[in-house]
Amino acid sequence: MSDSQMKTDVILIGAGVMSATLGALLKQLAPDWNIKVFEKLASAGEESSNEWNNAGTGHAALCELNYTSEKPDGSIDISKAIKVNEQFQVSMQFWSYLVNSNLIRNPQNFIMPIPHMSMVQGAQNVAYLKKRFEAMTANPLFQGMEFSDNPQTLKKWIPLIMNDRPSNEPIAATRIESGTDVNFGALTRMLFDYLKGKSVDIRYKHSVDHIKRTDGGLWELKVRNVDNGAVERHTAKFVFIGGGGGSLPLLQKCGIPESKHIGGFPISGLFMVCNNPEVVAQHHAKVYGKAKVGAPPMSVPHLDTRFIDNKKSLLFGPFAGFSPKFLKTGSMFDLIGSVKPNNVLTMLAAGAKNLSLTKYLIQQVMLSKEQRMEELREFIPNAKSEDWELLVAGQRVQVIKDTDAGKGTLQFGTEVVSAADGSVAALLGASPGASTAVSVMLEVIEKCFPQHRKAWEPKLKAMIPSYGVSLLKKPELIREIHTSTARTLGLNSELQPAK
């Protein structure tokens, strides 16, 4: 085995959309920096970023009801929806910059226009949706949203869902046509192709087994060649850990104080995929419903039109599952191995607080295909079992940490953990994840490279016109961004029928 020392400026662990985005940003901001990427799988975008391992929704808070909670006084809190939407606008601007600069091409291979809809059933939920619609359309970020509780209108919007539905059932939906379907796997591969062309050293089938601080303040990584077992030692001034569920164990090995009292809880996802082209052709939208009482936020049911390899698909889910693995390609010992003396009380507290979640996951795991079909029939009343098959999607690790809300609080979101000196950062958590990758990586840059912020700001504003600006304070900028990004990314043209 070789054991050579190799120094570089930046090391990115994991070849997913987060590392791809950070690498692309840094290559624009500091083109002379040396960057290395280590990925244990054979190619980019094969785990969480893979197109079959996530819903492909361009999360802009247009349809996700869990981002708009109802307050005790009956009003609707849209603050999280505003934040997520603004973050997605940042992603759209950066992607447009890359396309306009010919750094990536053929945006239709990773992003397609698709209406985003919310659908609810029952009088109480219809009343909630109407209030949500009124609150959101008063905000310039959500202009263009429509509401209807008219069955004839809904039949035009969602014929597959409305066919054979009881006529006396209260039902309503909102629709906004500026939604998107994003193939994050394709985008990730495009970004890594760009980075490869910029002399970034990308090592596939290389696993980072350990990371530690050197006496000189650099980070030393023990990197193993998966094929032959050869080991190398690489050092860097800055390390980003973007290994999806595998980020937590590596963060713990860093030993930084910020990694203490943090745990992770793995949850797997499953989707039903339609294999009948005639059924697929009857639906053209991403339709999100309400999570059942007691279900976690990421289990919100949705019926999605997807475009993968230029082929139209239809998915329903997600159904939650459980595996102790932190990655689909991980180890059955991942969960138990993540329990350390400094987080054992945090993990135990989370277990005690989330007995209902545990019960829910057990129930989900035990579902038969026909029971899953019954849940699907709440969306598509006449769905036939033979038209659908089960797909195991990605593995997500929800962050557990001690917060003001108490010890062992389960977090449902995306979180960056970085060292005080900014020399290492790790991405933990799940949705909205990939959709907000650019905003999240800008947060990493601001936290970890504050000494460069002033010099980099002009370039950041050139790439992302809204950088450092609250869009709500500049509605004219919202319109300008919506128009320019839609034009650049080809979101205004009519979709051609999938071949």
Protein backbone atom coordinates (compact mmCIF):
# COMPACT_ATOMS: atom_id res chain seq x y z
CA MET A 1 0.00 0.00 0.00
CA SER A 2 1.25 3.48 -0.79
CA ASP A 3 1.27 6.06 1.98
CA SER A 4 2.28 9.27 0.27
CA GLN A 5 1.47 12.76 1.47
CA MET A 6 -0.45 14.92 -1.01
CA LYS A 7 -1.40 18.52 -0.29
CA THR A 8 -4.20 20.55 -1.82
CA ASP A 9 -6.31 23.64 -1.10
CA VAL A 10 -9.78 22.08 -0.96
CA ILE A 11 -11.01 18.52 -0.60
CA LEU A 12 -14.65 17.65 -1.28
CA ILE A 13 -15.89 14.34 0.14
CA GLY A 14 -18.76 12.86 -1.85
CA ALA A 15 -19.64 13.42 -5.51
CA GLY A 16 -23.22 14.56 -4.99
CA VAL A 17 -24.99 17.77 -5.91
CA MET A 18 -23.71 19.64 -2.83
CA SER A 19 -20.02 18.98 -3.53
CA ALA A 20 -20.62 19.64 -7.23
CA THR A 21 -22.22 23.01 -6.42
CA LEU A 22 -19.51 24.06 -3.96
CA GLY A 23 -16.80 23.02 -6.41
CA ALA A 24 -18.43 24.97 -9.26
CA LEU A 25 -18.77 28.08 -7.08
CA LEU A 26 -15.17 27.92 -5.86
CA LYS A 27 -13.82 27.39 -9.38
CA GLN A 28 -15.53 30.64 -10.39
CA LEU A 29 -14.40 32.53 -7.29
CA ALA A 30 -10.88 31.13 -6.95
CA PRO A 31 -9.94 29.49 -10.27
CA ASP A 32 -6.32 28.90 -9.23
CA TRP A 33 -7.18 26.81 -6.17
CA ASN A 34 -6.43 23.10 -6.29
CA ILE A 35 -9.51 20.97 -5.61
CA LYS A 36 -9.79 17.21 -5.11
CA VAL A 37 -12.93 15.11 -4.87
CA PHE A 38 -13.18 11.65 -3.30
CA GLU A 39 -16.23 9.46 -3.99
CA LYS A 40 -16.46 5.83 -2.89
CA LEU A 41 -18.89 4.88 -5.67
CA ALA A 42 -18.03 4.46 -9.35
CA SER A 43 -19.51 7.75 -10.62
CA ALA A 44 -21.08 11.05 -9.60
CA GLY A 45 -24.61 11.48 -8.29
CA GLU A 46 -25.25 7.84 -7.41
CA GLU A 47 -26.58 8.18 -3.84
CA SER A 48 -28.91 10.92 -2.54
CA SER A 49 -28.58 13.00 -5.72
CA ASN A 50 -29.53 10.13 -8.02
CA GLU A 51 -32.71 10.84 -9.96
CA TRP A 52 -34.43 7.70 -8.67
CA ASN A 53 -33.49 8.42 -5.05
CA ASN A 54 -35.45 11.66 -4.59
CA ALA A 55 -38.73 13.21 -5.71
CA GLY A 56 -37.12 15.53 -8.26
CA THR A 57 -39.26 18.45 -7.10
CA GLY A 58 -37.72 21.86 -7.58
CA HIS A 59 -38.64 22.79 -4.02
CA ALA A 60 -39.87 26.40 -4.17
CA ALA A 61 -42.60 25.98 -1.50
CA LEU A 62 -45.29 26.22 -4.17
CA CYS A 63 -47.03 22.98 -3.24
CA GLU A 64 -45.51 21.64 0.00
CA LEU A 65 -48.13 22.13 2.71
CA ASN A 66 -45.69 21.31 5.53
CA TYR A 67 -43.97 24.66 4.82
CA THR A 68 -47.15 26.62 5.61
CA SER A 69 -48.47 25.78 9.06
CA GLU A 70 -51.71 27.01 10.56
CA LYS A 71 -51.28 29.07 13.74
CA PRO A 72 -53.52 28.69 16.81
CA ASP A 73 -55.41 31.83 15.77
CA GLY A 74 -56.22 30.28 12.38
CA SER A 75 -53.82 32.40 10.33
CA ILE A 76 -51.25 30.82 8.03
CA ASP A 77 -47.51 31.15 8.68
CA ILE A 78 -45.76 31.34 5.30
CA SER A 79 -42.34 32.44 6.61
CA LYS A 80 -40.70 29.07 5.88
CA ALA A 81 -42.25 29.02 2.40
CA ILE A 82 -40.78 32.46 1.71
CA LYS A 83 -37.31 31.32 2.83
CA VAL A 84 -37.38 28.14 0.73
CA ASN A 85 -38.66 29.99 -2.33
CA GLU A 86 -35.96 32.64 -2.10
CA GLN A 87 -33.35 29.90 -1.75
CA PHE A 88 -34.64 28.16 -4.87
CA GLN A 89 -34.48 31.45 -6.80
CA VAL A 90 -30.77 31.56 -5.91
CA SER A 91 -30.28 28.07 -7.39
CA MET A 92 -32.15 29.07 -10.54
CA GLN A 93 -29.93 32.13 -10.98
CA PHE A 94 -26.70 30.17 -10.59
CA TRP A 95 -27.86 27.45 -12.98
CA SER A 96 -28.80 30.18 -15.48
CA TYR A 97 -25.37 31.76 -15.10
CA LEU A 98 -23.71 28.41 -15.85
CA VAL A 99 -25.86 27.95 -18.96
CA ASN A 100 -25.35 31.54 -20.20
CA SER A 101 -21.58 31.12 -19.71
CA ASN A 102 -21.59 27.82 -21.64
CA LEU A 103 -20.19 26.05 -18.60
CA ILE A 104 -23.06 23.58 -18.77
CA ARG A 105 -25.34 22.99 -21.75
CA ASN A 106 -28.76 21.60 -22.62
CA PRO A 107 -30.64 22.61 -19.45
CA GLN A 108 -33.66 20.58 -20.63
CA ASN A 109 -31.64 17.52 -19.63
CA PHE A 110 -31.89 18.48 -15.96
CA ILE A 111 -34.87 20.83 -15.54
CA MET A 112 -38.37 20.80 -17.03
CA PRO A 113 -41.48 22.93 -16.42
CA ILE A 114 -44.27 21.17 -14.55
CA PRO A 115 -47.25 22.63 -12.61
CA HIS A 116 -46.95 22.40 -8.84
CA MET A 117 -50.21 21.68 -7.04
CA SER A 118 -51.53 21.19 -3.52
CA MET A 119 -54.62 19.03 -3.08
CA VAL A 120 -56.71 18.47 0.05
CA GLN A 121 -59.89 16.60 0.93
CA GLY A 122 -62.47 17.34 3.61
CA ALA A 123 -64.18 20.60 4.55
CA GLN A 124 -61.65 21.58 7.22
CA ASN A 125 -58.68 21.04 4.91
CA VAL A 126 -60.39 22.91 2.07
CA ALA A 127 -60.84 25.90 4.39
CA TYR A 128 -57.15 25.71 5.32
CA LEU A 129 -56.07 25.58 1.69
CA LYS A 130 -58.20 28.62 0.83
CA LYS A 131 -56.57 30.61 3.65
CA ARG A 132 -53.12 29.43 2.55
CA PHE A 133 -53.85 30.51 -1.02
CA GLU A 134 -54.93 33.97 0.13
CA ALA A 135 -51.83 34.40 2.31
CA MET A 136 -49.43 33.25 -0.41
CA THR A 137 -50.89 35.17 -3.34
CA ALA A 138 -50.60 38.38 -1.32
CA ASN A 139 -46.83 37.82 -1.58
CA PRO A 140 -45.05 38.69 -4.86
CA LEU A 141 -43.02 35.46 -4.73
CA PHE A 142 -46.15 33.39 -5.32
CA GLN A 143 -47.90 35.37 -8.05
CA GLY A 144 -49.72 33.19 -10.55
CA MET A 145 -51.10 30.67 -8.06
CA GLU A 146 -54.72 29.58 -8.69
CA PHE A 147 -57.28 28.06 -6.31
CA SER A 148 -60.31 25.95 -7.16
CA ASP A 149 -62.83 23.79 -5.36
CA ASN A 150 -64.89 23.39 -8.54
CA PRO A 151 -64.95 19.71 -9.62
CA GLN A 152 -65.10 20.63 -13.31
CA THR A 153 -62.01 22.82 -13.05
CA LEU A 154 -60.21 20.16 -11.06
CA LYS A 155 -61.02 17.59 -13.74
CA LYS A 156 -59.17 19.76 -16.24
CA TRP A 157 -56.20 20.19 -13.90
CA ILE A 158 -55.92 16.61 -12.58
CA PRO A 159 -58.12 14.25 -14.62
CA LEU A 160 -56.42 11.10 -13.33
CA ILE A 161 -57.14 12.08 -9.73
CA MET A 162 -60.71 13.23 -10.36
CA ASN A 163 -61.87 10.20 -12.37
CA ASP A 164 -64.37 8.02 -10.46
CA ARG A 165 -64.12 10.23 -7.35
CA PRO A 166 -67.26 10.55 -5.16
CA SER A 167 -69.11 13.74 -6.12
CA ASN A 168 -70.08 14.62 -2.52
CA GLU A 169 -66.47 14.75 -1.28
CA PRO A 170 -65.17 18.28 -0.52
CA ILE A 171 -61.94 18.68 -2.47
CA ALA A 172 -59.81 21.64 -3.49
CA ALA A 173 -56.46 22.36 -5.07
CA THR A 174 -54.06 25.16 -5.84
CA ARG A 175 -51.98 25.25 -8.99
CA ILE A 176 -49.03 27.31 -10.15
CA GLU A 177 -47.59 26.64 -13.60
CA SER A 178 -44.07 27.93 -12.86
CA GLY A 179 -43.10 24.77 -10.95
CA THR A 180 -40.24 22.54 -12.07
CA ASP A 181 -39.10 18.94 -12.17
CA VAL A 182 -35.34 18.72 -11.58
CA ASN A 183 -33.14 15.76 -12.40
CA PHE A 184 -30.51 16.32 -9.72
CA GLY A 185 -28.52 13.30 -10.88
CA ALA A 186 -28.14 14.75 -14.37
CA LEU A 187 -27.29 18.19 -12.96
CA THR A 188 -24.66 16.66 -10.67
CA ARG A 189 -23.02 14.84 -13.58
CA MET A 190 -23.02 18.02 -15.68
CA LEU A 191 -21.31 19.96 -12.89
CA PHE A 192 -18.66 17.28 -12.41
CA ASP A 193 -18.00 17.23 -16.16
CA TYR A 194 -17.41 20.98 -15.91
CA LEU A 195 -15.10 20.53 -12.89
CA LYS A 196 -13.14 17.80 -14.65
CA GLY A 197 -12.57 20.22 -17.54
CA LYS A 198 -11.18 22.71 -15.01
CA SER A 199 -8.51 20.22 -13.85
CA VAL A 200 -10.28 19.25 -10.65
CA ASP A 201 -8.86 15.90 -9.48
CA ILE A 202 -11.88 13.61 -9.14
CA ARG A 203 -11.22 10.17 -7.65
CA TYR A 204 -14.07 7.69 -7.93
CA LYS A 205 -13.97 4.41 -5.98
CA HIS A 206 -11.98 6.16 -3.26
CA SER A 207 -13.32 6.00 0.28
CA VAL A 208 -12.33 8.45 3.01
CA ASP A 209 -11.89 6.21 6.04
CA HIS A 210 -10.54 8.75 8.51
CA ILE A 211 -9.90 12.45 8.97
CA LYS A 212 -7.77 14.17 11.60
CA ARG A 213 -6.05 17.47 12.33
CA THR A 214 -2.28 17.70 11.79
CA ASP A 215 0.11 19.61 14.02
CA GLY A 216 0.37 22.19 11.26
CA GLY A 217 -3.38 22.89 11.31
CA LEU A 218 -4.17 21.10 8.06
CA TRP A 219 -6.63 18.22 7.74
CA GLU A 220 -5.22 14.82 6.90
CA LEU A 221 -7.46 12.28 5.18
CA LYS A 222 -6.84 8.56 5.01
CA VAL A 223 -8.14 7.60 1.56
CA ARG A 224 -8.56 3.99 0.45
CA ASN A 225 -8.82 2.77 -3.12
CA VAL A 226 -11.95 0.59 -3.08
CA ASP A 227 -10.65 -1.68 -5.87
CA ASN A 228 -7.20 -2.59 -4.60
CA GLY A 229 -7.13 -1.42 -0.99
CA ALA A 230 -4.22 0.96 -1.53
CA VAL A 231 -4.12 3.77 1.04
CA GLU A 232 -3.00 7.35 0.50
CA ARG A 233 -2.77 10.32 2.87
CA HIS A 234 -4.07 13.62 1.53
CA THR A 235 -3.96 16.96 3.35
CA ALA A 236 -5.94 20.12 2.73
CA LYS A 237 -6.53 23.57 4.16
CA PHE A 238 -10.30 23.13 3.83
CA VAL A 239 -12.48 20.01 3.77
CA PHE A 240 -16.16 19.81 2.88
CA ILE A 241 -17.98 16.66 3.94
CA GLY A 242 -20.88 16.22 1.53
CA GLY A 243 -21.38 12.49 1.76
CA GLY A 244 -25.14 12.44 2.37
CA GLY A 245 -25.91 10.12 5.27
CA GLY A 246 -22.21 9.26 5.42
CA SER A 247 -21.34 12.80 6.50
CA LEU A 248 -22.14 12.29 10.19
CA PRO A 249 -19.56 9.54 10.89
CA LEU A 250 -16.83 11.57 9.17
CA LEU A 251 -17.83 14.72 11.04
CA GLN A 252 -17.54 12.78 14.30
CA LYS A 253 -14.05 11.61 13.34
CA CYS A 254 -12.95 15.25 12.90
CA GLY A 255 -13.38 15.71 16.63
CA ILE A 256 -14.32 19.39 16.41
CA PRO A 257 -16.42 20.70 19.33
CA GLU A 258 -19.28 21.50 16.94
CA SER A 259 -19.63 17.77 16.16
CA LYS A 260 -20.51 16.89 19.75
CA HIS A 261 -24.06 16.16 20.92
CA ILE A 262 -25.25 15.52 17.35
CA GLY A 263 -26.79 12.26 16.21
CA GLY A 264 -28.61 10.94 13.20
CA PHE A 265 -31.72 8.87 12.59
CA PRO A 266 -31.90 7.04 9.23
CA ILE A 267 -35.18 6.87 7.33
CA SER A 268 -35.50 5.18 3.97
CA GLY A 269 -38.05 6.01 1.30
CA LEU A 270 -40.07 3.97 -1.16
CA PHE A 271 -42.10 5.08 -4.18
CA MET A 272 -44.74 3.40 -6.29
CA VAL A 273 -43.81 3.78 -9.97
CA CYS A 274 -46.39 3.50 -12.75
CA ASN A 275 -45.41 1.21 -15.61
CA ASN A 276 -48.50 1.83 -17.76
CA PRO A 277 -47.84 4.58 -20.37
CA GLU A 278 -51.57 5.21 -20.80
CA VAL A 279 -51.90 6.09 -17.11
CA VAL A 280 -48.72 8.19 -17.13
CA ALA A 281 -50.08 10.23 -20.04
CA GLN A 282 -53.17 11.25 -18.03
CA HIS A 283 -51.26 13.19 -15.38
CA HIS A 284 -49.07 16.27 -15.80
CA ALA A 285 -48.26 17.87 -12.43
CA LYS A 286 -46.62 17.42 -9.07
CA VAL A 287 -49.51 17.14 -6.63
CA TYR A 288 -48.76 17.30 -2.90
CA GLY A 289 -51.29 16.36 -0.22
CA LYS A 290 -51.28 16.63 3.58
CA ALA A 291 -49.31 14.28 5.81
CA LYS A 292 -51.43 12.06 8.00
CA VAL A 293 -51.68 12.87 11.70
CA GLY A 294 -48.57 11.51 13.44
CA ALA A 295 -46.57 11.17 10.24
CA PRO A 296 -43.23 13.03 9.89
CA PRO A 297 -43.08 16.04 7.53
CA MET A 298 -41.01 14.24 4.89
CA SER A 299 -43.80 11.67 4.46
CA VAL A 300 -46.16 14.12 2.73
CA PRO A 301 -47.87 12.07 -0.01
CA HIS A 302 -47.42 13.32 -3.57
CA LEU A 303 -48.17 12.17 -7.10
CA ASP A 304 -45.33 13.30 -9.34
CA THR A 305 -44.77 13.61 -13.03
CA ARG A 306 -41.06 13.01 -13.54
CA PHE A 307 -38.78 13.40 -16.55
CA ILE A 308 -35.84 10.98 -16.42
CA ASP A 309 -33.66 10.38 -19.48
CA ASN A 310 -36.21 12.42 -21.46
CA LYS A 311 -38.91 9.92 -20.60
CA LYS A 312 -42.06 10.83 -18.72
CA SER A 313 -42.68 8.81 -15.55
CA LEU A 314 -45.22 8.84 -12.73
CA LEU A 315 -44.32 8.25 -9.08
CA PHE A 316 -46.39 8.15 -5.90
CA GLY A 317 -45.08 8.25 -2.34
CA PRO A 318 -43.06 8.42 -0.33
CA PHE A 319 -43.63 5.48 1.96
CA ALA A 320 -41.27 5.54 4.90
CA GLY A 321 -39.05 2.62 5.76
CA PHE A 322 -36.30 1.91 8.21
CA SER A 323 -32.78 0.61 7.82
CA PRO A 324 -29.83 1.16 10.18
CA LYS A 325 -27.77 2.10 7.12
CA PHE A 326 -26.93 5.78 6.65
CA LEU A 327 -26.60 5.27 2.87
CA LYS A 328 -28.19 2.80 0.45
CA THR A 329 -24.66 1.48 -0.05
CA GLY A 330 -23.84 1.79 3.66
CA SER A 331 -23.34 -0.68 6.51
CA MET A 332 -25.90 -2.27 8.82
CA PHE A 333 -23.71 -0.96 11.67
CA ASP A 334 -23.94 2.73 10.65
CA LEU A 335 -26.54 3.70 13.25
CA ILE A 336 -25.01 1.91 16.23
CA GLY A 337 -21.55 3.11 15.19
CA SER A 338 -22.72 6.73 15.29
CA VAL A 339 -23.61 6.51 19.00
CA LYS A 340 -20.73 8.07 20.96
CA PRO A 341 -20.23 8.99 24.64
CA ASN A 342 -20.86 12.66 23.78
CA ASN A 343 -24.20 12.03 22.02
CA VAL A 344 -25.65 8.96 23.75
CA LEU A 345 -27.92 11.05 26.00
CA THR A 346 -29.01 13.10 22.99
CA MET A 347 -29.90 9.91 21.11
CA LEU A 348 -31.75 8.41 24.09
CA ALA A 349 -33.74 11.61 24.59
CA ALA A 350 -34.70 11.57 20.90
CA GLY A 351 -35.85 7.98 21.20
CA ALA A 352 -38.06 8.80 24.16
CA LYS A 353 -39.54 11.84 22.41
CA ASN A 354 -40.26 10.11 19.12
CA LEU A 355 -42.05 6.91 20.09
CA SER A 356 -44.91 7.89 17.77
CA LEU A 357 -42.45 8.22 14.87
CA THR A 358 -41.00 4.81 15.66
CA LYS A 359 -44.50 3.33 15.68
CA TYR A 360 -45.27 5.04 12.37
CA LEU A 361 -42.11 3.66 10.74
CA ILE A 362 -42.87 0.13 11.95
CA GLN A 363 -46.36 0.40 10.48
CA GLN A 364 -44.94 1.66 7.19
CA VAL A 365 -42.39 -1.14 6.96
CA MET A 366 -45.13 -3.73 7.53
CA LEU A 367 -47.37 -2.47 4.72
CA SER A 368 -48.16 -4.91 1.94
CA LYS A 369 -48.28 -3.77 -1.70
CA GLU A 370 -52.08 -3.80 -1.60
CA GLN A 371 -52.10 -1.61 1.52
CA ARG A 372 -49.83 0.83 -0.29
CA MET A 373 -52.18 0.70 -3.24
CA GLU A 374 -55.04 1.70 -0.92
CA GLU A 375 -53.10 4.85 0.01
CA LEU A 376 -52.48 5.52 -3.67
CA ARG A 377 -56.22 5.18 -4.32
CA GLU A 378 -56.81 8.17 -2.04
CA PHE A 379 -55.15 10.06 -4.92
CA ILE A 380 -56.18 7.87 -7.86
CA PRO A 381 -59.48 6.13 -7.00
CA ASN A 382 -59.31 3.61 -9.85
CA ALA A 383 -55.58 2.76 -9.59
CA LYS A 384 -54.83 -0.86 -10.57
CA SER A 385 -52.17 -2.88 -8.76
CA GLU A 386 -50.77 -4.33 -11.97
CA ASP A 387 -49.92 -0.81 -13.24
CA TRP A 388 -47.62 -0.01 -10.30
CA GLU A 389 -44.43 -1.42 -8.83
CA LEU A 390 -42.38 -0.58 -5.75
CA LEU A 391 -39.11 1.36 -6.00
CA VAL A 392 -36.66 1.70 -3.10
CA ALA A 393 -35.56 5.34 -3.09
CA GLY A 394 -32.82 7.13 -1.18
CA GLN A 395 -31.73 6.87 2.42
CA ARG A 396 -31.95 10.04 4.51
CA VAL A 397 -30.46 10.76 7.93
CA GLN A 398 -32.44 13.22 10.03
CA VAL A 399 -30.31 15.31 12.38
CA ILE A 400 -30.76 14.88 16.15
CA LYS A 401 -29.34 17.63 18.34
CA ASP A 402 -29.81 19.51 21.57
CA THR A 403 -31.69 22.77 20.94
CA ASP A 404 -33.70 25.38 22.83
CA ALA A 405 -36.64 23.03 22.33
CA GLY A 406 -34.88 20.44 24.49
CA LYS A 407 -32.39 17.62 24.41
CA GLY A 408 -32.51 15.17 21.52
CA THR A 409 -34.65 17.24 19.16
CA LEU A 410 -35.23 15.66 15.73
CA GLN A 411 -34.57 18.20 12.96
CA PHE A 412 -36.39 18.03 9.62
CA GLY A 413 -34.27 20.10 7.30
CA THR A 414 -30.81 20.80 5.91
CA GLU A 415 -28.04 21.91 8.25
CA VAL A 416 -24.40 22.94 7.90
CA VAL A 417 -22.01 22.17 10.76
CA SER A 418 -18.65 23.93 10.53
CA ALA A 419 -15.58 24.37 12.70
CA ALA A 420 -15.06 27.71 14.42
CA ASP A 421 -12.04 28.44 12.24
CA GLY A 422 -13.92 27.50 9.04
CA SER A 423 -11.44 24.79 8.05
CA VAL A 424 -14.02 22.01 7.81
CA ALA A 425 -17.76 21.92 7.13
CA ALA A 426 -20.29 19.13 6.84
CA LEU A 427 -23.78 19.00 5.40
CA LEU A 428 -26.38 17.06 7.37
CA GLY A 429 -30.12 16.53 6.97
CA ALA A 430 -32.58 16.16 4.16
CA SER A 431 -35.34 18.07 2.32
CA PRO A 432 -35.40 20.64 0.75
CA GLY A 433 -31.75 19.72 0.27
CA ALA A 434 -30.70 19.67 -3.37
CA SER A 435 -33.14 22.40 -4.45
CA THR A 436 -31.43 24.85 -2.11
CA ALA A 437 -27.89 23.61 -2.80
CA VAL A 438 -26.60 26.97 -4.02
CA SER A 439 -27.86 28.89 -0.97
CA VAL A 440 -26.50 26.23 1.36
CA MET A 441 -23.09 26.28 -0.31
CA LEU A 442 -23.02 30.08 -0.21
CA GLU A 443 -23.57 29.72 3.53
CA VAL A 444 -20.55 27.40 3.65
CA ILE A 445 -18.47 29.93 1.72
CA GLU A 446 -19.51 32.81 3.98
CA LYS A 447 -18.80 30.82 7.14
CA CYS A 448 -15.55 29.24 6.02
CA PHE A 449 -13.94 31.92 3.83
CA PRO A 450 -14.91 35.25 5.48
CA GLN A 451 -11.51 36.72 4.59
CA HIS A 452 -12.39 36.47 0.88
CA ARG A 453 -15.96 37.72 1.05
CA LYS A 454 -15.26 41.34 0.07
CA ALA A 455 -13.07 40.33 -2.89
CA TRP A 456 -15.55 37.70 -4.06
CA GLU A 457 -18.71 39.76 -3.70
CA PRO A 458 -18.66 41.34 -7.20
CA LYS A 459 -18.35 37.91 -8.81
CA LEU A 460 -21.09 36.50 -6.58
CA LYS A 461 -23.43 39.29 -7.60
CA ALA A 462 -22.59 38.73 -11.26
CA MET A 463 -23.51 35.06 -10.93
CA ILE A 464 -26.47 35.60 -8.61
CA PRO A 465 -28.07 39.05 -9.06
CA SER A 466 -30.13 38.73 -5.88
CA TYR A 467 -27.07 37.89 -3.73
CA GLY A 468 -27.30 39.77 -0.45
CA VAL A 469 -30.73 41.18 -1.30
CA SER A 470 -34.13 40.38 0.21
CA LEU A 471 -36.37 39.71 -2.78
CA LEU A 472 -39.44 40.75 -0.83
CA LYS A 473 -38.06 44.27 -0.66
CA LYS A 474 -37.52 44.35 -4.43
CA PRO A 475 -40.59 42.90 -6.22
CA GLU A 476 -39.32 44.23 -9.54
CA LEU A 477 -36.22 42.04 -9.10
CA ILE A 478 -38.48 39.01 -8.52
CA ARG A 479 -40.17 39.57 -11.88
CA GLU A 480 -36.83 40.11 -13.59
CA ILE A 481 -35.35 36.91 -12.12
CA HIS A 482 -38.44 34.84 -12.93
CA THR A 483 -38.37 36.05 -16.54
CA SER A 484 -34.65 35.69 -17.16
CA THR A 485 -34.18 32.29 -15.52
CA ALA A 486 -37.24 30.83 -17.25
CA ARG A 487 -35.93 32.04 -20.61
CA THR A 488 -32.38 30.74 -20.05
CA LEU A 489 -33.46 27.36 -18.66
CA GLY A 490 -36.11 26.85 -21.34
CA LEU A 491 -39.06 26.82 -18.95
CA ASN A 492 -41.40 28.93 -21.08
CA SER A 493 -41.67 26.60 -24.06
CA GLU A 494 -44.38 23.96 -24.33
CA LEU A 495 -43.27 20.46 -23.45
CA GLN A 496 -43.02 17.97 -26.27
CA PRO A 497 -44.68 14.60 -25.70
CA ALA A 498 -42.24 12.16 -24.15
CA LYS A 499 -40.95 9.54 -26.55
